[in-house]
């Protein structure tokens, strides 16, 4: 299984790659289902306005969401 805090870090890193100039104000995350090392993991996100982004990690083989999160940015 993939370590939960590592998955959370991947969510943050993906957001920072899309907005390298932004700084994080708050980050909340919740593990939903296990993700496994031998399967691909897809990191996805959707912006909500200028300062929030919903992020999630899902199994690339089954589509099961392993972790969800919300990032608030300093704007």
N, C-alpha and C. Protein backbone atom coordinates (compact mmCIF):
# COMPACT_ATOMS: atom_id res chain seq x y z
N UNK A 1 0.83 -1.18 0.00
CA UNK A 1 0.00 0.00 0.00
C UNK A 1 0.88 1.25 0.00
N UNK A 2 0.34 2.32 -0.59
CA UNK A 2 1.03 3.60 -0.61
C UNK A 2 0.75 4.33 0.70
N UNK A 3 1.79 4.85 1.31
CA UNK A 3 1.69 5.57 2.58
C UNK A 3 0.80 6.81 2.41
N UNK A 4 -0.16 7.01 3.30
CA UNK A 4 -1.11 8.12 3.19
C UNK A 4 -0.46 9.49 3.11
N UNK A 5 0.48 9.84 4.01
CA UNK A 5 1.12 11.15 3.90
C UNK A 5 1.90 11.34 2.59
N UNK A 6 2.41 10.28 2.01
CA UNK A 6 3.07 10.39 0.71
C UNK A 6 2.05 10.76 -0.36
N UNK A 7 0.88 10.16 -0.30
CA UNK A 7 -0.18 10.52 -1.25
C UNK A 7 -0.58 11.98 -1.08
N UNK A 8 -0.70 12.45 0.17
CA UNK A 8 -1.03 13.84 0.44
C UNK A 8 0.04 14.76 -0.15
N UNK A 9 1.29 14.41 -0.02
CA UNK A 9 2.38 15.19 -0.58
C UNK A 9 2.28 15.24 -2.11
N UNK A 10 1.91 14.14 -2.74
CA UNK A 10 1.74 14.13 -4.19
C UNK A 10 0.63 15.09 -4.62
N UNK A 11 -0.44 15.19 -3.83
CA UNK A 11 -1.51 16.13 -4.14
C UNK A 11 -0.99 17.57 -4.10
N UNK A 12 -0.21 17.89 -3.07
CA UNK A 12 0.36 19.23 -2.96
C UNK A 12 1.35 19.53 -4.08
N UNK A 13 2.19 18.57 -4.40
CA UNK A 13 3.19 18.77 -5.46
C UNK A 13 2.53 18.99 -6.81
N UNK A 14 1.46 18.27 -7.08
CA UNK A 14 0.76 18.45 -8.36
C UNK A 14 0.18 19.85 -8.45
N UNK A 15 -0.41 20.34 -7.37
CA UNK A 15 -0.96 21.69 -7.37
C UNK A 15 0.14 22.73 -7.55
N UNK A 16 1.27 22.52 -6.90
CA UNK A 16 2.36 23.50 -7.01
C UNK A 16 2.98 23.50 -8.41
N UNK A 17 2.90 22.39 -9.11
CA UNK A 17 3.40 22.35 -10.49
C UNK A 17 2.52 23.20 -11.41
N UNK A 18 1.24 23.27 -11.12
CA UNK A 18 0.32 24.05 -11.95
C UNK A 18 0.30 25.53 -11.57
N UNK A 19 0.65 25.83 -10.33
CA UNK A 19 0.72 27.22 -9.86
C UNK A 19 1.99 27.42 -9.05
N UNK A 20 3.16 27.42 -9.70
CA UNK A 20 4.43 27.51 -8.98
C UNK A 20 4.62 28.83 -8.23
N UNK A 21 3.88 29.86 -8.60
CA UNK A 21 4.00 31.16 -7.94
C UNK A 21 3.15 31.26 -6.68
N UNK A 22 2.25 30.32 -6.44
CA UNK A 22 1.31 30.39 -5.32
C UNK A 22 1.92 29.78 -4.06
N UNK A 23 1.48 30.28 -2.92
CA UNK A 23 1.87 29.67 -1.64
C UNK A 23 0.62 29.11 -0.98
N UNK A 24 0.79 28.03 -0.26
CA UNK A 24 -0.35 27.35 0.35
C UNK A 24 -0.70 28.00 1.69
N UNK A 25 -1.97 28.23 1.89
CA UNK A 25 -2.48 28.77 3.14
C UNK A 25 -3.00 27.65 4.04
N UNK A 26 -3.70 26.69 3.44
CA UNK A 26 -4.32 25.60 4.21
C UNK A 26 -4.43 24.37 3.32
N UNK A 27 -4.37 23.22 3.96
CA UNK A 27 -4.52 21.95 3.24
C UNK A 27 -5.22 20.96 4.15
N UNK A 28 -6.34 20.46 3.67
CA UNK A 28 -7.08 19.42 4.37
C UNK A 28 -7.15 18.21 3.46
N UNK A 29 -6.96 17.04 4.03
CA UNK A 29 -7.05 15.84 3.21
C UNK A 29 -7.66 14.70 4.01
N UNK A 30 -8.18 13.73 3.27
CA UNK A 30 -8.80 12.57 3.92
C UNK A 30 -8.56 11.33 3.07
N UNK A 31 -8.06 10.30 3.71
CA UNK A 31 -7.89 9.01 3.03
C UNK A 31 -9.27 8.37 2.87
N UNK A 32 -9.53 7.85 1.70
CA UNK A 32 -10.83 7.22 1.40
C UNK A 32 -10.72 5.71 1.21
N UNK A 33 -9.72 5.31 0.45
CA UNK A 33 -9.51 3.90 0.13
C UNK A 33 -8.02 3.67 -0.05
N UNK A 34 -7.56 2.43 0.12
CA UNK A 34 -6.14 2.17 -0.07
C UNK A 34 -5.73 2.29 -1.54
N UNK A 35 -4.51 2.77 -1.74
CA UNK A 35 -3.87 2.78 -3.05
C UNK A 35 -2.69 1.82 -2.97
N UNK A 36 -2.43 1.11 -4.04
CA UNK A 36 -1.42 0.06 -4.01
C UNK A 36 -0.20 0.40 -4.86
N UNK A 37 0.96 0.03 -4.37
CA UNK A 37 2.24 0.36 -4.99
C UNK A 37 2.34 -0.19 -6.41
N UNK A 38 1.81 -1.35 -6.67
CA UNK A 38 1.98 -1.98 -7.98
C UNK A 38 0.95 -1.50 -9.01
N UNK A 39 0.20 -0.44 -8.70
CA UNK A 39 -0.79 0.10 -9.63
C UNK A 39 -0.51 1.59 -9.85
N UNK A 40 -0.80 2.09 -11.06
CA UNK A 40 -0.60 3.53 -11.28
C UNK A 40 -1.58 4.35 -10.45
N UNK A 41 -1.15 5.54 -10.05
CA UNK A 41 -1.99 6.47 -9.30
C UNK A 41 -2.12 7.74 -10.12
N UNK A 42 -3.34 8.20 -10.33
CA UNK A 42 -3.60 9.43 -11.06
C UNK A 42 -3.92 10.54 -10.07
N UNK A 43 -3.25 11.67 -10.21
CA UNK A 43 -3.51 12.83 -9.37
C UNK A 43 -4.33 13.81 -10.20
N UNK A 44 -5.50 14.19 -9.66
CA UNK A 44 -6.42 15.05 -10.40
C UNK A 44 -6.82 16.23 -9.53
N UNK A 45 -7.32 17.27 -10.18
CA UNK A 45 -7.76 18.44 -9.43
C UNK A 45 -8.72 19.30 -10.22
N UNK A 46 -9.43 20.15 -9.49
CA UNK A 46 -10.38 21.08 -10.10
C UNK A 46 -10.34 22.38 -9.31
N UNK A 47 -10.11 23.49 -9.99
CA UNK A 47 -10.06 24.79 -9.33
C UNK A 47 -11.47 25.23 -8.96
N UNK A 48 -11.57 25.83 -7.78
CA UNK A 48 -12.82 26.43 -7.32
C UNK A 48 -12.53 27.89 -7.01
N UNK A 49 -12.76 28.73 -7.97
CA UNK A 49 -12.42 30.14 -7.81
C UNK A 49 -10.92 30.35 -7.94
N UNK A 50 -10.45 31.47 -7.38
CA UNK A 50 -9.04 31.82 -7.52
C UNK A 50 -8.16 31.24 -6.42
N UNK A 51 -8.76 30.88 -5.28
CA UNK A 51 -7.91 30.50 -4.14
C UNK A 51 -8.12 29.09 -3.61
N UNK A 52 -8.97 28.29 -4.23
CA UNK A 52 -9.19 26.93 -3.74
C UNK A 52 -9.09 25.92 -4.88
N UNK A 53 -8.57 24.78 -4.56
CA UNK A 53 -8.53 23.68 -5.52
C UNK A 53 -8.88 22.38 -4.79
N UNK A 54 -9.77 21.63 -5.40
CA UNK A 54 -10.09 20.29 -4.91
C UNK A 54 -9.13 19.33 -5.62
N UNK A 55 -8.52 18.45 -4.86
CA UNK A 55 -7.57 17.49 -5.43
C UNK A 55 -7.95 16.09 -4.98
N UNK A 56 -7.58 15.09 -5.78
CA UNK A 56 -7.82 13.72 -5.40
C UNK A 56 -6.84 12.80 -6.11
N UNK A 57 -6.63 11.66 -5.49
CA UNK A 57 -5.75 10.63 -6.05
C UNK A 57 -6.61 9.39 -6.27
N UNK A 58 -6.50 8.84 -7.45
CA UNK A 58 -7.29 7.64 -7.74
C UNK A 58 -6.43 6.56 -8.37
N UNK A 59 -6.87 5.35 -8.21
CA UNK A 59 -6.19 4.21 -8.80
C UNK A 59 -6.31 4.31 -10.32
N UNK A 60 -5.19 4.17 -11.01
CA UNK A 60 -5.20 4.23 -12.46
C UNK A 60 -5.80 3.01 -13.11
N UNK A 61 -5.97 1.94 -12.34
CA UNK A 61 -6.54 0.73 -12.92
C UNK A 61 -8.02 0.56 -12.60
N UNK A 62 -8.44 0.92 -11.39
CA UNK A 62 -9.84 0.71 -11.01
C UNK A 62 -10.64 2.01 -10.95
N UNK A 63 -9.96 3.15 -10.88
CA UNK A 63 -10.65 4.43 -10.77
C UNK A 63 -11.15 4.74 -9.37
N UNK A 64 -10.83 3.90 -8.40
CA UNK A 64 -11.24 4.12 -7.01
C UNK A 64 -10.46 5.30 -6.44
N UNK A 65 -11.17 6.23 -5.80
CA UNK A 65 -10.53 7.39 -5.19
C UNK A 65 -9.91 6.98 -3.86
N UNK A 66 -8.61 7.19 -3.76
CA UNK A 66 -7.89 6.81 -2.55
C UNK A 66 -7.78 7.93 -1.54
N UNK A 67 -7.70 9.18 -2.03
CA UNK A 67 -7.57 10.32 -1.13
C UNK A 67 -8.19 11.54 -1.79
N UNK A 68 -8.83 12.38 -0.97
CA UNK A 68 -9.36 13.66 -1.43
C UNK A 68 -8.74 14.76 -0.60
N UNK A 69 -8.75 15.96 -1.15
CA UNK A 69 -8.20 17.09 -0.40
C UNK A 69 -8.68 18.41 -0.94
N UNK A 70 -8.50 19.44 -0.12
CA UNK A 70 -8.77 20.81 -0.53
C UNK A 70 -7.60 21.68 -0.14
N UNK A 71 -7.10 22.43 -1.10
CA UNK A 71 -5.99 23.34 -0.88
C UNK A 71 -6.51 24.77 -1.00
N UNK A 72 -6.17 25.59 -0.02
CA UNK A 72 -6.46 27.02 -0.08
C UNK A 72 -5.14 27.76 -0.27
N UNK A 73 -5.12 28.68 -1.21
CA UNK A 73 -3.90 29.40 -1.55
C UNK A 73 -3.95 30.82 -0.98
N UNK A 74 -2.77 31.37 -0.69
CA UNK A 74 -2.64 32.80 -0.39
C UNK A 74 -2.75 33.53 -1.72
N UNK A 75 -3.65 34.44 -1.82
CA UNK A 75 -3.80 35.21 -3.07
C UNK A 75 -3.52 36.68 -2.79
